[in-house]
Amino acid sequence: MTTNEPIGYIVGGGLKEGFRIRLTVPADQVQEGSFLVCDNGRYRYYGLVTDLQLGATDPRFADEKNDRMHPAIQAALLGKTLYTTLEMYPTLLLDRGPEDPRENLDWQDRVQRGEETPGPKPVKTVPAHHASVRPADEADVAQIFGEEGPGVFHIGNTIEQGYKVCLDLNKFVKRSSGIFGATGTGKSFLTRMVLAGLMKEDVAAALVFDMHNEYAFDDSDTDRDVRVRGLKSLFGQKVQVAALGAGAQVRGHSPDFTLELALSDFQTSDILLLSEALNLTDTAAVTLNALERAFGHGWFGEFMKLEPGAVDVDPESGKTFPADNSVAAWARQNNIHEKAAEALHRKLQLIYDRKYITANPGGDPVRSIIDKLENGRHVILGFGEYDNDLDYLLVSNVLTRKIRQQWVKKTEEHKTLGMAAPRPLLIAIEEAHKLLNPQLAGQTAFGIIARELRKYFVTLLVVDQRPSGIDDEIMSQLGTRITGWLGDEDDIRAVLTGLAGRDQLRGMLARLQEKEEVLLLGWGVKMPIPVKSRRYDERFYDAIKGRSENKAASFTTKPLDDLNDDLFG
């Protein structure tokens, strides 16, 4: 069977349930998720195979084996009485214009003037009975998903014919997006590949919160027993690696710079996000509000200077009472329960003792990160030894809040004063359900960014194995979703939140081949499609380096003497 040969014809269906197609080829030549095309009159319909079903004109022939019949009769039965149908979920329609040549010329003129929009656009009609259906060819795939080139990244290939499927990165970064998959399905390699594409095409700055220290430096693929390249290895000085705390390392490598947070960087809301990690009680919020009223912006440092349990003795009576510099004395002065204040002080000591938190950090590391992002570099923050929930929640939220404030400021200056727009910024976060669950989504900087869409040129790339743990409202705001196999029904439901055709896509998502296939959905692609993802291997590295070298002249935001370092390390 060649690509353009029909595989069947339409015998029924509709817009809601999809088109039913009678196969004229053996059923094993078609798979679930195949990309199909139906040309009928002036319209071309694009769709996916969502189901295959065995049928019979007479149930008796299906119920009884026919091996006692003559082979010629068996063949006739399989072609006529016994048959296979498939369900085609129609996704897009392309208007090719009137069939009459004169009318078609007039129509093309209207298209050029912008009076007609041929599409591809949503399907709002149906083809005629017996319209033939064929597999999509390479030109069809390119028509829908584009061709590899500037700003268009080859992410995978169609499962059957192996045609390139591309992702429009300029569109991808305009809304927050997500990469999902059960544990062990290759999410980290897929994320590393997408980030490499973004860095290669330079469509946005990337800030990666690398909780498990996987993205910056070379790592091992235990399944293939090979070393895989980190983003730092691929892009050299164009990727800057940061680590928490003076003298910190990331997997035995020295970072480009270290990050320290000042005590004055923390707001009381940052601490409330850690309620579960610190086991805070309901009274903690009241105490934190009192601290902010009493000490203002420097509440954290001032509170930690107080001594828990410090007492003085009355020389006359011999009775003890809280010393002036004690937590209890402050609590009495501010009408706060003494035990609650001392309990909060003990718990905050866990944060205060972190090596990356200091009263006076050297320089302004947060400002340094912002400068790098604004000037054409990408930053990966490795958490080193601090790869636990408390540090991840705290550091990622504080940094994101401060960086978002800078982008909001620059956006307002762009809109009101006509200054240059800020460079688009994509913030990648792992274990996203810990930052965007229903309890925290409304409080974190990440929840605010996800709801703002691209109002301030900042979007998220959320990476998670438990999408059902992410707030439904946040999931509905994710534009593009790239998902591997998911076995849990709640996770499948969450990934499909807010998308048309959820029922048709649910089974397809559950039957993806682990570590091989992913389903592309949403804003960054014109229609859903399962693809065999590219391998993160030597061929991929060569392609990335080739594009980086060709684009050397486009990095005009950096000093000229830095270009060679940025591109070639």
Protein backbone atom coordinates (compact mmCIF):
# COMPACT_ATOMS: atom_id res chain seq x y z
CA MET A 1 0.00 0.00 0.00
CA THR A 2 1.40 3.39 -1.01
CA THR A 3 0.64 6.45 1.05
CA ASN A 4 -1.91 7.92 -1.36
CA GLU A 5 -3.90 4.71 -1.79
CA PRO A 6 -7.33 4.81 -0.11
CA ILE A 7 -7.77 2.55 2.87
CA GLY A 8 -11.57 2.78 2.99
CA TYR A 9 -14.65 4.92 2.58
CA ILE A 10 -17.06 6.72 4.88
CA VAL A 11 -20.23 4.84 5.76
CA GLY A 12 -21.60 6.92 8.64
CA GLY A 13 -20.91 9.00 11.72
CA GLY A 14 -21.15 12.68 12.58
CA LEU A 15 -19.35 15.65 14.07
CA LYS A 16 -19.76 14.51 17.68
CA GLU A 17 -19.14 10.79 17.41
CA GLY A 18 -16.67 10.98 14.51
CA PHE A 19 -16.72 9.42 11.06
CA ARG A 20 -17.21 5.66 10.60
CA ILE A 21 -15.05 4.22 7.83
CA ARG A 22 -15.33 0.82 6.16
CA LEU A 23 -11.83 -0.54 5.56
CA THR A 24 -10.82 -1.89 2.17
CA VAL A 25 -7.37 -3.02 3.38
CA PRO A 26 -6.45 -5.55 6.08
CA ALA A 27 -7.08 -4.15 9.55
CA ASP A 28 -3.50 -4.74 10.66
CA GLN A 29 -2.33 -2.09 8.18
CA VAL A 30 -3.94 0.65 10.30
CA GLN A 31 -3.23 1.60 13.92
CA GLU A 32 -4.95 3.69 16.54
CA GLY A 33 -3.62 7.25 16.29
CA SER A 34 -2.97 7.10 12.53
CA PHE A 35 -3.28 10.44 10.75
CA LEU A 36 -5.97 10.23 8.04
CA VAL A 37 -7.17 12.52 5.24
CA CYS A 38 -10.53 12.61 3.49
CA ASP A 39 -10.92 14.69 0.29
CA ASN A 40 -14.52 15.42 -0.58
CA GLY A 41 -15.50 18.20 -2.93
CA ARG A 42 -13.99 21.53 -1.94
CA TYR A 43 -13.04 20.36 1.56
CA ARG A 44 -10.19 18.29 2.91
CA TYR A 45 -10.76 16.69 6.33
CA TYR A 46 -7.93 15.75 8.70
CA GLY A 47 -8.40 13.34 11.57
CA LEU A 48 -7.09 10.53 13.77
CA VAL A 49 -8.02 6.88 14.11
CA THR A 50 -9.51 6.47 17.58
CA ASP A 51 -10.98 2.97 17.37
CA LEU A 52 -11.16 -0.13 15.16
CA GLN A 53 -14.13 -2.49 15.28
CA LEU A 54 -14.96 -5.86 13.73
CA GLY A 55 -18.33 -6.04 12.00
CA ALA A 56 -20.52 -8.54 10.18
CA THR A 57 -23.57 -8.20 7.95
CA ASP A 58 -24.82 -11.47 9.40
CA PRO A 59 -23.81 -12.41 12.97
CA ARG A 60 -23.88 -16.11 12.11
CA PHE A 61 -20.78 -15.80 9.96
CA ALA A 62 -18.93 -13.98 12.76
CA ASP A 63 -19.92 -16.49 15.44
CA GLU A 64 -18.88 -19.63 13.54
CA LYS A 65 -15.43 -20.39 12.15
CA ASN A 66 -15.32 -20.65 8.38
CA ASP A 67 -12.23 -22.86 8.03
CA ARG A 68 -14.38 -25.69 6.59
CA MET A 69 -15.36 -23.51 3.66
CA HIS A 70 -13.55 -23.29 0.36
CA PRO A 71 -10.69 -20.68 0.48
CA ALA A 72 -12.37 -18.58 -2.23
CA ILE A 73 -15.56 -18.41 -0.16
CA GLN A 74 -13.56 -17.52 2.96
CA ALA A 75 -11.93 -14.63 1.12
CA ALA A 76 -15.30 -13.42 -0.15
CA LEU A 77 -16.73 -13.51 3.36
CA LEU A 78 -13.81 -11.55 4.81
CA GLY A 79 -14.22 -8.86 2.20
CA LYS A 80 -18.02 -8.56 2.21
CA THR A 81 -19.87 -10.25 5.03
CA LEU A 82 -17.09 -9.90 7.62
CA TYR A 83 -15.35 -6.54 7.66
CA THR A 84 -13.56 -3.95 9.82
CA THR A 85 -14.59 -0.38 10.46
CA LEU A 86 -12.62 2.37 12.11
CA GLU A 87 -13.61 5.55 13.89
CA MET A 88 -11.99 8.75 12.61
CA TYR A 89 -12.02 11.72 14.99
CA PRO A 90 -12.18 14.77 12.67
CA THR A 91 -9.91 17.54 13.91
CA LEU A 92 -9.36 20.05 11.10
CA LEU A 93 -10.84 21.11 7.79
CA LEU A 94 -9.09 22.79 4.85
CA ASP A 95 -11.16 24.74 2.34
CA ARG A 96 -9.68 24.20 -1.12
CA GLY A 97 -12.17 26.50 -2.84
CA PRO A 98 -15.00 25.94 -5.36
CA GLU A 99 -14.52 23.17 -7.89
CA ASP A 100 -15.49 25.40 -10.81
CA PRO A 101 -12.23 26.93 -12.19
CA ARG A 102 -13.62 30.47 -12.58
CA GLU A 103 -15.20 30.50 -9.17
CA ASN A 104 -11.98 29.11 -7.71
CA LEU A 105 -9.94 32.00 -9.17
CA ASP A 106 -12.35 34.53 -7.61
CA TRP A 107 -12.12 32.65 -4.32
CA GLN A 108 -8.31 32.72 -4.38
CA ASP A 109 -8.42 36.49 -4.91
CA ARG A 110 -10.64 36.83 -1.84
CA VAL A 111 -8.20 34.68 0.14
CA GLN A 112 -5.30 36.94 -0.84
CA ARG A 113 -7.31 39.99 0.25
CA GLY A 114 -8.02 38.34 3.60
CA GLU A 115 -11.75 38.04 2.95
CA GLU A 116 -11.66 34.23 3.10
CA THR A 117 -9.78 31.95 5.48
CA PRO A 118 -9.15 28.53 3.94
CA GLY A 119 -7.79 27.09 7.19
CA PRO A 120 -6.95 24.60 8.49
CA LYS A 121 -9.82 25.36 10.84
CA PRO A 122 -12.26 23.46 13.09
CA VAL A 123 -14.53 20.95 11.38
CA LYS A 124 -18.12 22.20 11.07
CA THR A 125 -19.52 19.96 8.35
CA VAL A 126 -19.27 16.35 7.19
CA PRO A 127 -18.17 14.65 3.96
CA ALA A 128 -20.57 12.67 1.80
CA HIS A 129 -21.24 8.96 2.11
CA HIS A 130 -18.60 6.78 0.46
CA ALA A 131 -15.99 9.56 0.35
CA SER A 132 -12.62 7.84 0.20
CA VAL A 133 -10.14 8.06 3.08
CA ARG A 134 -6.36 7.73 2.82
CA PRO A 135 -3.35 7.96 5.17
CA ALA A 136 -1.78 11.41 5.44
CA ASP A 137 1.33 11.85 3.31
CA GLU A 138 4.43 13.89 4.03
CA ALA A 139 2.93 17.04 2.46
CA ASP A 140 -0.19 16.72 4.64
CA VAL A 141 1.91 16.44 7.80
CA ALA A 142 3.98 19.48 6.77
CA GLN A 143 0.77 21.40 5.95
CA ILE A 144 -0.50 20.95 9.51
CA PHE A 145 2.66 20.87 11.63
CA GLY A 146 5.06 22.95 9.53
CA GLU A 147 8.53 22.16 8.29
CA GLU A 148 11.71 22.21 10.36
CA GLY A 149 13.36 25.61 10.22
CA PRO A 150 13.84 28.81 12.25
CA GLY A 151 11.50 28.68 15.25
CA VAL A 152 10.07 25.31 14.18
CA PHE A 153 11.48 22.33 16.08
CA HIS A 154 11.38 18.69 14.96
CA ILE A 155 10.04 16.88 18.02
CA GLY A 156 9.15 13.48 16.61
CA ASN A 157 7.77 11.44 13.72
CA THR A 158 4.42 9.98 12.79
CA ILE A 159 4.16 6.47 14.18
CA GLU A 160 3.45 4.60 10.94
CA GLN A 161 5.19 6.42 8.07
CA GLY A 162 7.85 8.24 10.10
CA TYR A 163 7.16 11.74 8.71
CA LYS A 164 8.57 14.66 10.69
CA VAL A 165 6.21 16.34 13.16
CA CYS A 166 7.27 19.81 14.26
CA LEU A 167 6.44 22.16 17.11
CA ASP A 168 6.07 25.90 16.55
CA LEU A 169 8.29 27.17 19.37
CA ASN A 170 7.29 30.83 18.98
CA LYS A 171 3.71 29.77 19.61
CA PHE A 172 4.74 27.26 22.26
CA VAL A 173 6.27 29.92 24.54
CA LYS A 174 3.30 32.27 24.30
CA ARG A 175 1.32 30.21 26.81
CA SER A 176 2.32 27.99 29.70
CA SER A 177 2.83 24.35 28.78
CA GLY A 178 3.34 20.96 30.37
CA ILE A 179 5.30 17.74 29.94
CA PHE A 180 3.71 14.74 31.64
CA GLY A 181 4.25 11.02 31.95
CA ALA A 182 4.36 8.29 34.55
CA THR A 183 7.61 7.64 36.40
CA GLY A 184 10.16 5.95 34.14
CA THR A 185 8.61 7.04 30.83
CA GLY A 186 11.47 9.37 29.89
CA LYS A 187 10.08 12.75 30.97
CA SER A 188 13.53 14.10 31.84
CA PHE A 189 14.98 13.27 28.42
CA LEU A 190 11.91 14.71 26.70
CA THR A 191 12.17 17.88 28.78
CA ARG A 192 15.89 18.17 28.07
CA MET A 193 15.15 17.81 24.36
CA VAL A 194 12.45 20.50 24.35
CA LEU A 195 14.67 22.88 26.33
CA ALA A 196 17.50 22.23 23.87
CA GLY A 197 15.16 23.16 21.04
CA LEU A 198 14.17 26.40 22.76
CA MET A 199 17.81 27.28 23.40
CA LYS A 200 18.85 26.33 19.88
CA GLU A 201 16.20 28.55 18.29
CA ASP A 202 16.62 31.27 20.93
CA VAL A 203 12.89 32.04 21.06
CA ALA A 204 12.93 32.75 24.81
CA ALA A 205 15.16 32.82 27.85
CA ALA A 206 14.90 29.69 29.99
CA LEU A 207 15.16 29.50 33.78
CA VAL A 208 15.22 25.87 34.90
CA PHE A 209 14.69 24.84 38.52
CA ASP A 210 16.60 21.56 38.40
CA MET A 211 15.48 19.85 41.58
CA HIS A 212 17.26 16.55 40.86
CA ASN A 213 20.33 18.02 39.11
CA GLU A 214 19.55 16.31 35.78
CA TYR A 215 19.71 18.97 33.08
CA ALA A 216 22.97 20.91 33.32
CA PHE A 217 25.78 18.36 33.16
CA ASP A 218 26.25 14.99 31.47
CA ASP A 219 24.25 12.16 32.98
CA SER A 220 23.70 8.41 32.52
CA ASP A 221 20.87 6.70 30.71
CA THR A 222 20.66 3.54 32.78
CA ASP A 223 18.33 1.83 30.29
CA ARG A 224 20.80 2.16 27.40
CA ASP A 225 23.95 2.22 29.58
CA VAL A 226 25.27 5.31 27.80
CA ARG A 227 26.26 8.84 28.81
CA VAL A 228 23.93 11.60 27.68
CA ARG A 229 24.85 15.21 27.18
CA GLY A 230 23.71 17.95 29.52
CA LEU A 231 22.53 21.33 28.26
CA LYS A 232 25.72 22.94 29.55
CA SER A 233 27.74 20.54 27.40
CA LEU A 234 25.66 21.34 24.33
CA PHE A 235 25.55 25.12 24.64
CA GLY A 236 28.65 26.08 26.62
CA GLN A 237 28.57 29.54 28.19
CA LYS A 238 25.18 30.26 26.69
CA VAL A 239 23.88 28.13 29.57
CA GLN A 240 24.83 29.34 33.02
CA VAL A 241 24.66 26.89 35.92
CA ALA A 242 23.96 28.16 39.43
CA ALA A 243 24.18 26.27 42.73
CA LEU A 244 22.80 27.06 46.18
CA GLY A 245 25.29 28.39 48.71
CA ALA A 246 28.89 29.56 48.61
CA GLY A 247 31.25 26.80 47.46
CA ALA A 248 28.39 24.50 46.39
CA GLN A 249 28.76 22.03 43.53
CA VAL A 250 26.30 20.27 41.22
CA ARG A 251 27.08 16.57 40.82
CA GLY A 252 30.76 17.19 41.39
CA HIS A 253 30.96 20.07 38.92
CA SER A 254 31.73 23.67 39.80
CA PRO A 255 28.87 25.96 38.77
CA ASP A 256 29.26 29.22 36.86
CA PHE A 257 28.08 31.09 39.94
CA THR A 258 26.45 30.44 43.30
CA LEU A 259 23.21 31.77 44.68
CA GLU A 260 22.60 33.13 48.16
CA LEU A 261 19.32 34.57 49.36
CA ALA A 262 19.16 37.49 51.76
CA LEU A 263 17.00 37.35 54.87
CA SER A 264 15.23 40.43 53.53
CA ASP A 265 14.17 38.48 50.40
CA PHE A 266 11.55 36.53 52.33
CA GLN A 267 7.93 37.49 52.73
CA THR A 268 5.61 35.92 55.28
CA SER A 269 3.64 34.39 52.39
CA ASP A 270 6.77 32.43 51.42
CA ILE A 271 6.74 30.77 54.83
CA LEU A 272 3.04 29.95 54.68
CA LEU A 273 3.71 27.96 51.50
CA LEU A 274 5.84 25.66 53.66
CA SER A 275 3.06 24.90 56.14
CA GLU A 276 3.12 21.19 55.36
CA ALA A 277 6.91 20.89 55.09
CA LEU A 278 7.42 22.76 58.39
CA ASN A 279 4.32 21.28 60.05
CA LEU A 280 3.01 24.74 60.90
CA THR A 281 -0.15 25.11 62.96
CA ASP A 282 -3.13 27.33 62.17
CA THR A 283 -1.77 30.00 64.55
CA ALA A 284 1.39 30.45 62.43
CA ALA A 285 -0.37 32.84 60.04
CA VAL A 286 -1.43 35.09 62.93
CA THR A 287 2.12 35.14 64.31
CA LEU A 288 3.63 35.88 60.88
CA ASN A 289 1.23 38.79 60.33
CA ALA A 290 2.23 40.21 63.71
CA LEU A 291 5.92 39.87 62.80
CA GLU A 292 5.42 41.80 59.59
CA ARG A 293 3.55 44.55 61.45
CA ALA A 294 6.24 44.74 64.12
CA PHE A 295 9.41 44.56 62.01
CA GLY A 296 8.31 45.39 58.48
CA HIS A 297 10.43 44.22 55.54
CA GLY A 298 13.20 42.83 57.76
CA TRP A 299 10.89 40.69 59.88
CA PHE A 300 12.76 37.39 59.32
CA GLY A 301 16.18 38.58 60.44
CA GLU A 302 14.81 40.55 63.40
CA PHE A 303 12.69 37.64 64.61
CA MET A 304 15.59 35.20 64.45
CA LYS A 305 17.72 37.55 66.56
CA LEU A 306 15.32 37.01 69.44
CA GLU A 307 16.23 34.25 71.88
CA PRO A 308 13.71 31.54 72.72
CA GLY A 309 13.46 30.81 76.45
CA ALA A 310 15.67 33.77 77.52
CA VAL A 311 14.68 35.02 81.00
CA ASP A 312 15.72 37.59 83.56
CA VAL A 313 15.38 37.30 87.34
CA ASP A 314 13.71 39.88 89.57
CA PRO A 315 16.39 40.58 92.26
CA GLU A 316 13.78 41.34 94.90
CA SER A 317 11.33 38.48 94.44
CA GLY A 318 13.59 36.01 92.67
CA LYS A 319 10.90 35.38 90.08
CA THR A 320 11.83 34.92 86.45
CA PHE A 321 10.27 36.80 83.57
CA PRO A 322 10.97 36.92 79.80
CA ALA A 323 14.12 38.85 78.90
CA ASP A 324 13.76 41.90 76.69
CA ASN A 325 15.43 40.10 73.77
CA SER A 326 13.34 36.95 74.10
CA VAL A 327 10.66 35.57 71.81
CA ALA A 328 8.21 35.46 74.72
CA ALA A 329 8.70 39.17 75.51
CA TRP A 330 7.99 40.08 71.90
CA ALA A 331 4.90 37.83 71.94
CA ARG A 332 3.52 39.55 75.05
CA GLN A 333 4.07 42.99 73.57
CA ASN A 334 2.19 42.00 70.41
CA ASN A 335 -0.62 39.97 71.98
CA ILE A 336 0.62 36.70 70.49
CA HIS A 337 0.55 33.37 72.28
CA GLU A 338 4.05 32.83 73.67
CA LYS A 339 4.21 29.10 72.97
CA ALA A 340 3.00 29.64 69.40
CA ALA A 341 5.69 32.26 68.78
CA GLU A 342 8.43 30.06 70.22
CA ALA A 343 7.23 27.06 68.18
CA LEU A 344 7.37 29.16 64.98
CA HIS A 345 10.86 30.38 65.91
CA ARG A 346 12.07 26.77 66.27
CA LYS A 347 10.64 25.78 62.92
CA LEU A 348 12.02 28.81 61.11
CA GLN A 349 15.44 27.89 62.47
CA LEU A 350 15.43 25.07 59.87
CA ILE A 351 15.39 27.70 57.13
CA TYR A 352 17.62 30.21 58.91
CA ASP A 353 20.40 27.62 59.23
CA ARG A 354 20.55 26.91 55.50
CA LYS A 355 23.98 27.83 54.09
CA TYR A 356 22.46 29.62 51.12
CA ILE A 357 20.56 32.07 53.36
CA THR A 358 22.54 34.96 54.79
CA ALA A 359 22.02 38.46 56.10
CA ASN A 360 24.33 40.04 53.53
CA PRO A 361 24.95 37.95 50.41
CA GLY A 362 27.90 38.92 48.25
CA GLY A 363 26.69 41.15 45.43
CA ASP A 364 23.12 40.70 44.20
CA PRO A 365 22.80 37.15 42.84
CA VAL A 366 19.11 37.54 42.00
CA ARG A 367 19.90 40.63 39.96
CA SER A 368 22.69 38.64 38.31
CA ILE A 369 20.24 35.94 37.22
CA ILE A 370 17.89 38.55 35.80
CA ASP A 371 20.74 40.21 33.88
CA LYS A 372 21.78 36.89 32.35
CA LEU A 373 18.22 36.06 31.30
CA GLU A 374 17.69 39.50 29.80
CA ASN A 375 20.94 39.31 27.84
CA GLY A 376 20.56 36.11 25.89
CA ARG A 377 21.66 33.45 28.34
CA HIS A 378 19.78 30.62 30.03
CA VAL A 379 20.09 29.71 33.70
CA ILE A 380 19.83 26.27 35.29
CA LEU A 381 19.63 26.30 39.07
CA GLY A 382 20.90 23.02 40.49
CA PHE A 383 19.82 22.32 44.05
CA GLY A 384 22.83 20.15 44.83
CA GLU A 385 22.48 18.66 48.31
CA TYR A 386 19.25 20.58 48.91
CA ASP A 387 17.06 18.33 46.76
CA ASN A 388 14.10 18.18 49.14
CA ASP A 389 10.64 19.73 49.12
CA LEU A 390 11.36 22.46 51.66
CA ASP A 391 14.28 23.97 49.74
CA TYR A 392 12.63 23.52 46.36
CA LEU A 393 9.37 25.19 47.39
CA LEU A 394 11.13 28.02 49.18
CA VAL A 395 13.86 28.94 46.69
CA SER A 396 11.85 28.49 43.49
CA ASN A 397 8.94 30.59 44.75
CA VAL A 398 11.12 33.43 46.12
CA LEU A 399 13.19 33.66 42.95
CA THR A 400 10.19 33.42 40.63
CA ARG A 401 8.34 36.13 42.54
CA LYS A 402 11.28 38.53 42.30
CA ILE A 403 11.97 37.75 38.64
CA ARG A 404 8.32 38.12 37.73
CA GLN A 405 8.30 41.56 39.38
CA GLN A 406 11.12 42.62 37.06
CA TRP A 407 9.29 41.36 33.97
CA VAL A 408 6.08 43.10 35.07
CA LYS A 409 8.00 46.35 35.50
CA LYS A 410 9.62 46.09 32.06
CA THR A 411 6.30 45.18 30.45
CA GLU A 412 4.59 48.23 31.96
CA GLU A 413 7.46 50.44 30.72
CA HIS A 414 7.04 48.89 27.28
CA LYS A 415 3.30 49.55 27.21
CA THR A 416 3.29 53.02 28.75
CA LEU A 417 6.66 54.52 27.75
CA GLY A 418 7.30 52.71 24.48
CA MET A 419 10.48 51.05 25.75
CA ALA A 420 11.66 47.69 24.39
CA ALA A 421 9.55 44.70 25.36
CA PRO A 422 11.21 42.25 27.77
CA ARG A 423 12.66 39.08 26.33
CA PRO A 424 10.14 36.21 26.60
CA LEU A 425 10.96 34.05 29.61
CA LEU A 426 10.07 30.39 30.16
CA ILE A 427 10.40 29.02 33.70
CA ALA A 428 10.68 25.22 33.91
CA ILE A 429 9.65 23.53 37.15
CA GLU A 430 9.78 19.87 38.11
CA GLU A 431 7.43 18.19 40.60
CA ALA A 432 4.89 20.85 39.62
CA HIS A 433 2.09 19.37 41.73
CA LYS A 434 4.01 20.46 44.85
CA LEU A 435 3.83 24.09 43.71
CA LEU A 436 0.51 24.12 41.85
CA ASN A 437 -1.78 21.88 43.87
CA PRO A 438 -5.26 23.24 44.74
CA GLN A 439 -4.10 24.36 48.20
CA LEU A 440 -1.11 26.39 46.95
CA ALA A 441 -1.92 27.36 43.36
CA GLY A 442 -3.54 30.62 44.40
CA GLN A 443 -0.59 31.65 46.59
CA THR A 444 2.57 30.83 44.63
CA ALA A 445 4.18 33.01 42.01
CA PHE A 446 3.76 30.06 39.64
CA GLY A 447 -0.02 30.03 40.00
CA ILE A 448 -0.12 33.75 39.19
CA ILE A 449 2.03 33.26 36.07
CA ALA A 450 -0.09 30.34 34.82
CA ARG A 451 -3.27 32.42 35.10
CA GLU A 452 -1.78 35.51 33.46
CA LEU A 453 -1.06 33.61 30.23
CA ARG A 454 1.55 35.74 28.46
CA LYS A 455 0.49 39.17 29.68
CA TYR A 456 3.95 39.87 31.05
CA PHE A 457 6.04 37.73 28.65
CA VAL A 458 6.56 35.01 31.28
CA THR A 459 5.25 31.45 30.94
CA LEU A 460 5.76 28.11 32.68
CA LEU A 461 6.91 24.70 31.54
CA VAL A 462 5.55 22.33 34.18
CA VAL A 463 7.01 18.82 34.35
CA ASP A 464 5.19 16.23 36.41
CA GLN A 465 4.29 12.58 36.77
CA ARG A 466 1.10 13.35 38.70
CA PRO A 467 -0.92 15.87 36.69
CA SER A 468 -4.01 15.01 38.74
CA GLY A 469 -2.29 16.73 41.68
CA ILE A 470 -2.22 20.06 39.84
CA ASP A 471 -5.12 22.46 40.27
CA ASP A 472 -7.73 21.99 37.52
CA GLU A 473 -7.84 25.70 36.74
CA ILE A 474 -4.07 25.72 36.18
CA MET A 475 -4.27 22.63 33.97
CA SER A 476 -6.95 24.27 31.85
CA GLN A 477 -4.62 27.25 31.25
CA LEU A 478 -1.77 25.12 29.90
CA GLY A 479 -1.58 25.74 26.18
CA THR A 480 0.57 22.88 24.87
CA ARG A 481 0.76 19.49 26.55
CA ILE A 482 3.31 16.84 25.66
CA THR A 483 2.49 13.65 27.46
CA GLY A 484 3.90 10.16 27.61
CA TRP A 485 2.12 7.09 28.90
CA LEU A 486 -0.11 7.56 31.95
CA GLY A 487 -1.69 4.61 33.69
CA ASP A 488 -3.86 6.38 36.25
CA GLU A 489 -7.32 7.40 35.07
CA ASP A 490 -7.26 10.58 37.17
CA ASP A 491 -3.96 11.63 35.56
CA ILE A 492 -5.37 11.00 32.09
CA ARG A 493 -8.44 13.07 32.93
CA ALA A 494 -6.27 15.90 34.22
CA VAL A 495 -4.08 16.04 31.09
CA LEU A 496 -7.18 16.26 28.88
CA THR A 497 -8.81 19.00 31.00
CA GLY A 498 -10.21 21.81 28.87
CA LEU A 499 -9.56 20.08 25.52
CA ALA A 500 -12.07 19.19 22.82
CA GLY A 501 -12.30 15.51 21.93
CA ARG A 502 -11.38 14.28 25.41
CA ASP A 503 -13.37 11.06 25.07
CA GLN A 504 -11.73 10.17 21.75
CA LEU A 505 -8.21 10.86 23.02
CA ARG A 506 -8.49 9.09 26.38
CA GLY A 507 -7.90 5.58 25.08
CA MET A 508 -5.10 6.71 22.79
CA LEU A 509 -3.24 8.25 25.72
CA ALA A 510 -3.61 5.13 27.84
CA ARG A 511 -2.12 2.94 25.09
CA LEU A 512 1.02 4.91 24.25
CA GLN A 513 4.21 2.87 24.11
CA GLU A 514 6.40 3.71 27.09
CA LYS A 515 9.62 5.66 26.39
CA GLU A 516 8.84 5.68 22.66
CA GLU A 517 5.62 7.56 21.98
CA VAL A 518 4.14 10.83 23.21
CA LEU A 519 0.88 12.60 22.51
CA LEU A 520 1.04 16.25 21.42
CA LEU A 521 -1.98 18.34 22.37
CA GLY A 522 -3.13 21.92 22.52
CA TRP A 523 -1.96 25.36 21.56
CA GLY A 524 1.46 24.62 20.05
CA VAL A 525 0.11 22.07 17.54
CA LYS A 526 -2.89 22.54 15.27
CA MET A 527 -4.32 19.11 16.06
CA PRO A 528 -3.59 16.32 18.56
CA ILE A 529 -1.25 13.62 17.29
CA PRO A 530 0.72 10.72 18.77
CA VAL A 531 4.34 10.68 17.65
CA LYS A 532 7.45 8.62 18.14
CA SER A 533 9.68 11.13 19.93
CA ARG A 534 13.19 11.87 18.74
CA ARG A 535 16.04 10.09 20.47
CA TYR A 536 18.22 12.18 22.74
CA ASP A 537 21.42 10.82 21.23
CA GLU A 538 24.46 11.70 19.09
CA ARG A 539 22.34 12.49 16.04
CA PHE A 540 20.31 14.92 18.12
CA TYR A 541 23.47 16.55 19.53
CA ASP A 542 24.86 17.01 16.01
CA ALA A 543 21.62 18.63 14.86
CA ILE A 544 21.60 20.97 17.84
CA LYS A 545 25.20 22.04 17.39
CA GLY A 546 24.72 22.57 13.67
CA ARG A 547 21.80 24.92 14.25
CA SER A 548 23.64 26.78 17.02
CA GLU A 549 26.61 27.47 14.77
CA ASN A 550 24.40 28.63 11.92
CA LYS A 551 22.60 31.06 14.20
CA ALA A 552 25.73 32.66 15.58
CA ALA A 553 25.06 35.96 13.87
CA SER A 554 21.62 36.28 15.44
CA PHE A 555 22.83 36.65 19.06
CA THR A 556 22.99 40.43 18.92
CA THR A 557 22.04 40.94 22.55
CA LYS A 558 25.47 39.83 23.81
CA PRO A 559 28.87 41.48 23.52
CA LEU A 560 30.66 40.36 20.34
CA ASP A 561 33.69 39.02 22.22
CA ASP A 562 31.39 36.64 24.15
CA LEU A 563 29.88 34.98 21.09
CA ASN A 564 32.47 32.25 20.61
CA ASP A 565 32.29 31.26 24.27
CA ASP A 566 28.51 31.24 24.18
CA LEU A 567 28.28 29.05 21.11
CA PHE A 568 31.21 26.70 21.42
CA GLY A 569 31.98 26.65 25.18
